[in-house]
C-alpha atoms as a PDB file:
ATOM      1  CA  UNK A   1     -23.800  35.566  35.057  1.00  0.00           C
ATOM      2  CA  UNK A   2     -21.357  35.280  32.187  1.00  0.00           C
ATOM      3  CA  UNK A   3     -17.945  36.826  32.352  1.00  0.00           C
ATOM      4  CA  UNK A   4     -15.082  37.379  29.915  1.00  0.00           C
ATOM      5  CA  UNK A   5     -11.601  38.343  31.060  1.00  0.00           C
ATOM      6  CA  UNK A   6      -9.018  39.508  28.551  1.00  0.00           C
ATOM      7  CA  UNK A   7      -5.264  39.572  29.030  1.00  0.00           C
ATOM      8  CA  UNK A   8      -2.103  39.871  26.988  1.00  0.00           C
ATOM      9  CA  UNK A   9      -2.173  43.512  25.987  1.00  0.00           C
ATOM     10  CA  UNK A  10       0.777  45.829  26.351  1.00  0.00           C
ATOM     11  CA  UNK A  11       3.302  48.032  24.609  1.00  0.00           C
ATOM     12  CA  UNK A  12       4.969  46.642  21.498  1.00  0.00           C
ATOM     13  CA  UNK A  13       7.136  48.121  18.771  1.00  0.00           C
ATOM     14  CA  UNK A  14       5.891  48.349  15.190  1.00  0.00           C
ATOM     15  CA  UNK A  15       6.340  45.017  13.463  1.00  0.00           C
ATOM     16  CA  UNK A  16       6.049  43.139  16.716  1.00  0.00           C
ATOM     17  CA  UNK A  17       3.567  40.554  17.914  1.00  0.00           C
ATOM     18  CA  UNK A  18       1.154  40.057  20.779  1.00  0.00           C
ATOM     19  CA  UNK A  19      -1.228  37.301  21.738  1.00  0.00           C
ATOM     20  CA  UNK A  20      -4.444  38.283  23.461  1.00  0.00           C
ATOM     21  CA  UNK A  21      -6.383  35.771  25.535  1.00  0.00           C
ATOM     22  CA  UNK A  22      -9.977  35.821  26.700  1.00  0.00           C
ATOM     23  CA  UNK A  23     -11.182  33.347  29.310  1.00  0.00           C
ATOM     24  CA  UNK A  24     -14.908  32.823  29.736  1.00  0.00           C
ATOM     25  CA  UNK A  25     -17.013  31.642  32.637  1.00  0.00           C
ATOM     26  CA  UNK A  26     -20.645  31.489  33.670  1.00  0.00           C
ATOM     27  CA  UNK A  27     -22.186  30.498  30.350  1.00  0.00           C
ATOM     28  CA  UNK A  28     -22.028  27.686  27.805  1.00  0.00           C
ATOM     29  CA  UNK A  29     -18.913  28.772  25.958  1.00  0.00           C
ATOM     30  CA  UNK A  30     -18.978  26.053  23.297  1.00  0.00           C
ATOM     31  CA  UNK A  31     -22.363  27.246  22.035  1.00  0.00           C
ATOM     32  CA  UNK A  32     -21.356  30.841  21.534  1.00  0.00           C
ATOM     33  CA  UNK A  33     -19.839  32.563  18.574  1.00  0.00           C
ATOM     34  CA  UNK A  34     -17.093  34.925  19.665  1.00  0.00           C
ATOM     35  CA  UNK A  35     -15.433  38.050  18.445  1.00  0.00           C
ATOM     36  CA  UNK A  36     -12.589  40.442  19.077  1.00  0.00           C
ATOM     37  CA  UNK A  37     -13.337  44.129  18.742  1.00  0.00           C
ATOM     38  CA  UNK A  38     -11.256  47.223  19.246  1.00  0.00           C
ATOM     39  CA  UNK A  39     -11.807  50.855  20.040  1.00  0.00           C
ATOM     40  CA  UNK A  40      -9.181  53.479  19.431  1.00  0.00           C
ATOM     41  CA  UNK A  41      -9.305  56.753  21.293  1.00  0.00           C
ATOM     42  CA  UNK A  42     -11.921  59.027  19.784  1.00  0.00           C
ATOM     43  CA  UNK A  43     -13.220  56.360  17.435  1.00  0.00           C
ATOM     44  CA  UNK A  44     -16.100  53.916  17.405  1.00  0.00           C
ATOM     45  CA  UNK A  45     -15.713  50.298  18.412  1.00  0.00           C
ATOM     46  CA  UNK A  46     -15.092  48.067  15.412  1.00  0.00           C
ATOM     47  CA  UNK A  47     -15.006  44.347  14.774  1.00  0.00           C
ATOM     48  CA  UNK A  48     -11.582  42.818  14.273  1.00  0.00           C
ATOM     49  CA  UNK A  49     -12.303  39.098  13.928  1.00  0.00           C
ATOM     50  CA  UNK A  50     -15.000  36.559  14.719  1.00  0.00           C
ATOM     51  CA  UNK A  51     -15.185  32.794  15.067  1.00  0.00           C
ATOM     52  CA  UNK A  52     -18.118  30.411  15.083  1.00  0.00           C
ATOM     53  CA  UNK A  53     -19.015  28.246  18.062  1.00  0.00           C
ATOM     54  CA  UNK A  54     -17.219  25.199  16.675  1.00  0.00           C
ATOM     55  CA  UNK A  55     -14.276  27.175  15.370  1.00  0.00           C
ATOM     56  CA  UNK A  56     -15.014  26.086  11.837  1.00  0.00           C
ATOM     57  CA  UNK A  57     -15.465  29.508  10.332  1.00  0.00           C
ATOM     58  CA  UNK A  58     -13.724  32.816  10.891  1.00  0.00           C
ATOM     59  CA  UNK A  59     -14.083  36.375   9.695  1.00  0.00           C
ATOM     60  CA  UNK A  60     -11.439  39.106   9.592  1.00  0.00           C
ATOM     61  CA  UNK A  61     -11.736  42.797   8.995  1.00  0.00           C
ATOM     62  CA  UNK A  62      -9.783  43.845   5.924  1.00  0.00           C
ATOM     63  CA  UNK A  63      -7.332  45.877   7.976  1.00  0.00           C
ATOM     64  CA  UNK A  64      -6.089  42.764   9.846  1.00  0.00           C
ATOM     65  CA  UNK A  65      -6.285  40.069   7.178  1.00  0.00           C
ATOM     66  CA  UNK A  66      -3.042  38.168   6.919  1.00  0.00           C
ATOM     67  CA  UNK A  67      -1.728  39.632  10.188  1.00  0.00           C
ATOM     68  CA  UNK A  68      -4.147  38.497  12.916  1.00  0.00           C
ATOM     69  CA  UNK A  69      -5.492  35.030  13.703  1.00  0.00           C
ATOM     70  CA  UNK A  70      -8.463  34.204  15.909  1.00  0.00           C
ATOM     71  CA  UNK A  71      -8.708  30.765  17.502  1.00  0.00           C
ATOM     72  CA  UNK A  72     -10.521  29.058  20.350  1.00  0.00           C
ATOM     73  CA  UNK A  73     -10.382  26.020  22.592  1.00  0.00           C
ATOM     74  CA  UNK A  74     -13.800  25.036  23.879  1.00  0.00           C
ATOM     75  CA  UNK A  75     -12.265  22.685  26.436  1.00  0.00           C
ATOM     76  CA  UNK A  76     -10.435  25.640  27.980  1.00  0.00           C
ATOM     77  CA  UNK A  77     -13.223  28.220  27.557  1.00  0.00           C
ATOM     78  CA  UNK A  78     -10.655  30.418  25.869  1.00  0.00           C
ATOM     79  CA  UNK A  79     -10.405  32.462  22.684  1.00  0.00           C
ATOM     80  CA  UNK A  80      -7.182  34.020  21.431  1.00  0.00           C
ATOM     81  CA  UNK A  81      -6.176  36.726  19.027  1.00  0.00           C
ATOM     82  CA  UNK A  82      -2.661  36.301  17.661  1.00  0.00           C
ATOM     83  CA  UNK A  83      -1.483  39.623  16.307  1.00  0.00           C
ATOM     84  CA  UNK A  84       1.604  39.957  14.119  1.00  0.00           C
ATOM     85  CA  UNK A  85       3.162  42.722  12.043  1.00  0.00           C
ATOM     86  CA  UNK A  86       1.590  45.252  14.363  1.00  0.00           C
ATOM     87  CA  UNK A  87       1.224  48.838  13.217  1.00  0.00           C
ATOM     88  CA  UNK A  88       0.761  52.051  15.200  1.00  0.00           C
ATOM     89  CA  UNK A  89      -2.797  52.231  13.873  1.00  0.00           C
ATOM     90  CA  UNK A  90      -3.540  48.950  15.687  1.00  0.00           C
ATOM     91  CA  UNK A  91      -3.300  50.860  18.963  1.00  0.00           C
ATOM     92  CA  UNK A  92      -6.623  50.473  20.762  1.00  0.00           C
ATOM     93  CA  UNK A  93      -8.433  48.805  23.609  1.00  0.00           C
ATOM     94  CA  UNK A  94      -9.257  45.277  22.487  1.00  0.00           C
ATOM     95  CA  UNK A  95     -12.444  43.640  23.693  1.00  0.00           C
ATOM     96  CA  UNK A  96     -13.643  40.065  23.648  1.00  0.00           C
ATOM     97  CA  UNK A  97     -17.303  39.472  22.949  1.00  0.00           C
ATOM     98  CA  UNK A  98     -19.537  36.436  23.251  1.00  0.00           C
ATOM     99  CA  UNK A  99     -22.505  36.703  20.906  1.00  0.00           C
ATOM    100  CA  UNK A 100     -24.743  35.291  23.614  1.00  0.00           C
ATOM    101  CA  UNK A 101     -24.490  38.738  25.181  1.00  0.00           C
ATOM    102  CA  UNK A 102     -21.259  39.305  27.070  1.00  0.00           C
ATOM    103  CA  UNK A 103     -18.318  41.678  26.750  1.00  0.00           C
ATOM    104  CA  UNK A 104     -14.969  41.674  28.455  1.00  0.00           C
ATOM    105  CA  UNK A 105     -13.491  44.708  30.161  1.00  0.00           C
ATOM    106  CA  UNK A 106     -10.858  45.249  27.484  1.00  0.00           C
ATOM    107  CA  UNK A 107      -7.087  45.154  27.282  1.00  0.00           C
ATOM    108  CA  UNK A 108      -4.923  47.994  26.004  1.00  0.00           C
ATOM    109  CA  UNK A 109      -2.644  47.400  23.037  1.00  0.00           C
ATOM    110  CA  UNK A 110      -0.182  50.161  22.212  1.00  0.00           C
ATOM    111  CA  UNK A 111       2.063  49.943  19.171  1.00  0.00           C
ATOM    112  CA  UNK A 112       4.803  52.523  19.344  1.00  0.00           C
ATOM    113  CA  UNK A 113       8.538  52.898  19.009  1.00  0.00           C
END
């Protein structure tokens, strides 16, 4: 059974940075496209960024372009989301997803002064 475990969330001031990590197990990580999603309180879950299985292609939602970077290391079964210039509206639970059918449990990111 596949599993994804996120970490790295927390409280950060506006303009600050965080790096989220997602470690996978139980499935063939290198064959799976991956994504980071987020869900703010009272809102629907939305895609933040995605990356192909070989890391050669990425996608970013308009609201994070130029601020967030998705990357992966298939040798470490890990995907990251580097977040910079954080805004209060980035506050949400961030989820890692493997397109082969797995979701992580989420990690809370709160941007507040």
